[in-house]
Amino acid sequence: MDKGRGRHKFAVILNREWPPDDGVVFFALATSKTKHFESGFMQDSIIRIPGHRYSFLPLDTIVKLMEIATIDMQSLAEAANLEISGDLNTDDIGNIDHALSRSRVIDEAILSRIR
């Protein structure tokens, strides 16, 4: 979603089963504003991805796993500003899964659907 400002928002879809039987898509937002996390704040609930590891993430990026958002599949499919940019590699997916397995802030009912 760039709202005409040339900015993009990135999200990582976390569903274990795809497509989801009930149409609920779980995702975590990502940010290139890494300065907020320099102090080690929520270190166990973020994944750092170096810039240019992926062509669609040119800046250092943090996947924020403190809160898992949802959207229904139909709304996601109809989103005019949605662009599938690519897939994360096995190592980054494993790091996300490992962080989620240690989470103390995400409800177990959600965790059971995404790891």
Protein backbone atom coordinates (compact mmCIF):
# COMPACT_ATOMS: atom_id res chain seq x y z
CA MET A 1 0.00 0.00 0.00
CA ASP A 2 1.72 3.17 -1.05
CA LYS A 3 -1.13 5.73 -0.93
CA GLY A 4 0.59 7.57 -3.77
CA ARG A 5 3.80 8.26 -1.83
CA GLY A 6 6.00 5.65 -3.47
CA ARG A 7 6.25 3.64 -0.25
CA HIS A 8 5.55 -0.05 -0.02
CA LYS A 9 4.46 -2.13 2.93
CA PHE A 10 5.69 -5.69 3.14
CA ALA A 11 4.03 -8.56 4.92
CA VAL A 12 5.04 -12.16 5.41
CA ILE A 13 2.22 -14.68 5.12
CA LEU A 14 2.58 -17.19 7.93
CA ASN A 15 -0.11 -19.82 7.32
CA ARG A 16 1.10 -23.39 7.73
CA GLU A 17 -1.59 -24.69 5.35
CA TRP A 18 -2.09 -22.96 2.00
CA PRO A 19 -4.63 -22.07 0.92
CA PRO A 20 -6.29 -21.86 4.33
CA ASP A 21 -9.45 -23.98 4.60
CA ASP A 22 -11.33 -21.25 6.46
CA GLY A 23 -9.98 -18.40 4.33
CA VAL A 24 -8.10 -16.71 7.20
CA VAL A 25 -4.65 -15.45 6.22
CA PHE A 26 -2.19 -14.79 9.05
CA PHE A 27 0.64 -12.35 8.42
CA ALA A 28 3.38 -10.31 10.06
CA LEU A 29 4.34 -6.84 8.93
CA ALA A 30 7.89 -5.91 8.06
CA THR A 31 9.67 -2.57 8.37
CA SER A 32 12.85 -1.01 7.08
CA LYS A 33 12.82 1.40 10.05
CA THR A 34 15.38 -0.63 11.95
CA LYS A 35 16.50 2.21 14.22
CA HIS A 36 13.55 1.49 16.53
CA PHE A 37 15.07 -1.92 17.25
CA GLU A 38 18.75 -0.97 17.78
CA SER A 39 18.39 -1.13 21.57
CA GLY A 40 17.48 -4.81 21.43
CA PHE A 41 13.80 -4.02 22.08
CA MET A 42 11.72 -7.15 21.49
CA GLN A 43 14.78 -8.91 20.10
CA ASP A 44 13.15 -12.33 20.55
CA SER A 45 10.13 -11.24 18.51
CA ILE A 46 11.83 -9.90 15.40
CA ILE A 47 13.75 -11.35 12.47
CA ARG A 48 16.41 -9.24 10.80
CA ILE A 49 16.82 -9.60 7.04
CA PRO A 50 19.84 -7.84 5.52
CA GLY A 51 19.21 -5.48 2.63
CA HIS A 52 19.52 -6.94 -0.86
CA ARG A 53 19.18 -10.54 0.31
CA TYR A 54 16.05 -10.39 -1.81
CA SER A 55 15.47 -8.14 -4.79
CA PHE A 56 12.19 -6.97 -3.22
CA LEU A 57 13.87 -5.94 0.07
CA PRO A 58 16.64 -3.50 -0.86
CA LEU A 59 16.99 -2.16 2.71
CA ASP A 60 17.71 -3.90 5.99
CA THR A 61 14.32 -5.16 7.09
CA ILE A 62 12.79 -6.40 10.31
CA VAL A 63 9.88 -8.84 10.34
CA LYS A 64 7.86 -7.96 13.43
CA LEU A 65 6.44 -11.03 15.16
CA MET A 66 5.00 -9.24 18.21
CA GLU A 67 1.56 -9.17 16.64
CA ILE A 68 0.11 -11.47 14.02
CA ALA A 69 -2.55 -9.83 11.87
CA THR A 70 -5.28 -11.50 9.84
CA ILE A 71 -7.19 -10.81 6.67
CA ASP A 72 -9.73 -12.97 4.89
CA MET A 73 -8.55 -14.55 1.66
CA GLN A 74 -11.27 -12.86 -0.42
CA SER A 75 -10.24 -9.38 0.74
CA LEU A 76 -6.60 -10.20 0.09
CA ALA A 77 -7.40 -11.41 -3.41
CA GLU A 78 -9.40 -8.26 -4.16
CA ALA A 79 -6.77 -5.82 -2.84
CA ALA A 80 -5.97 -3.52 -5.75
CA ASN A 81 -2.60 -2.54 -4.33
CA LEU A 82 -1.39 -6.06 -3.56
CA GLU A 83 1.71 -7.35 -5.27
CA ILE A 84 3.31 -10.71 -4.56
CA SER A 85 7.02 -9.90 -4.47
CA GLY A 86 8.58 -13.27 -3.79
CA ASP A 87 9.34 -15.99 -1.29
CA LEU A 88 11.67 -16.03 1.67
CA ASN A 89 14.41 -18.64 1.69
CA THR A 90 14.37 -21.70 3.93
CA ASP A 91 16.75 -20.14 6.47
CA ASP A 92 14.62 -17.03 6.97
CA ILE A 93 11.44 -19.10 7.19
CA GLY A 94 13.16 -21.32 9.75
CA ASN A 95 14.22 -18.26 11.76
CA ILE A 96 10.64 -16.97 11.75
CA ASP A 97 9.31 -20.36 12.81
CA HIS A 98 11.90 -20.61 15.58
CA ALA A 99 11.02 -17.15 16.91
CA LEU A 100 7.32 -17.99 16.83
CA SER A 101 7.92 -21.25 18.69
CA ARG A 102 9.43 -19.22 21.56
CA SER A 103 6.76 -16.51 21.51
CA ARG A 104 5.19 -15.50 24.79
CA VAL A 105 2.92 -12.88 23.25
CA ILE A 106 1.10 -14.74 20.46
CA ASP A 107 -1.93 -16.79 21.45
CA GLU A 108 -1.44 -20.56 21.18
CA ALA A 109 -4.54 -20.90 18.96
CA ILE A 110 -2.83 -18.64 16.39
CA LEU A 111 0.54 -20.32 16.81
CA SER A 112 -1.01 -23.70 16.05
CA ARG A 113 -2.12 -22.36 12.66
CA ILE A 114 1.20 -20.82 11.64
CA ARG A 115 3.98 -23.12 12.84
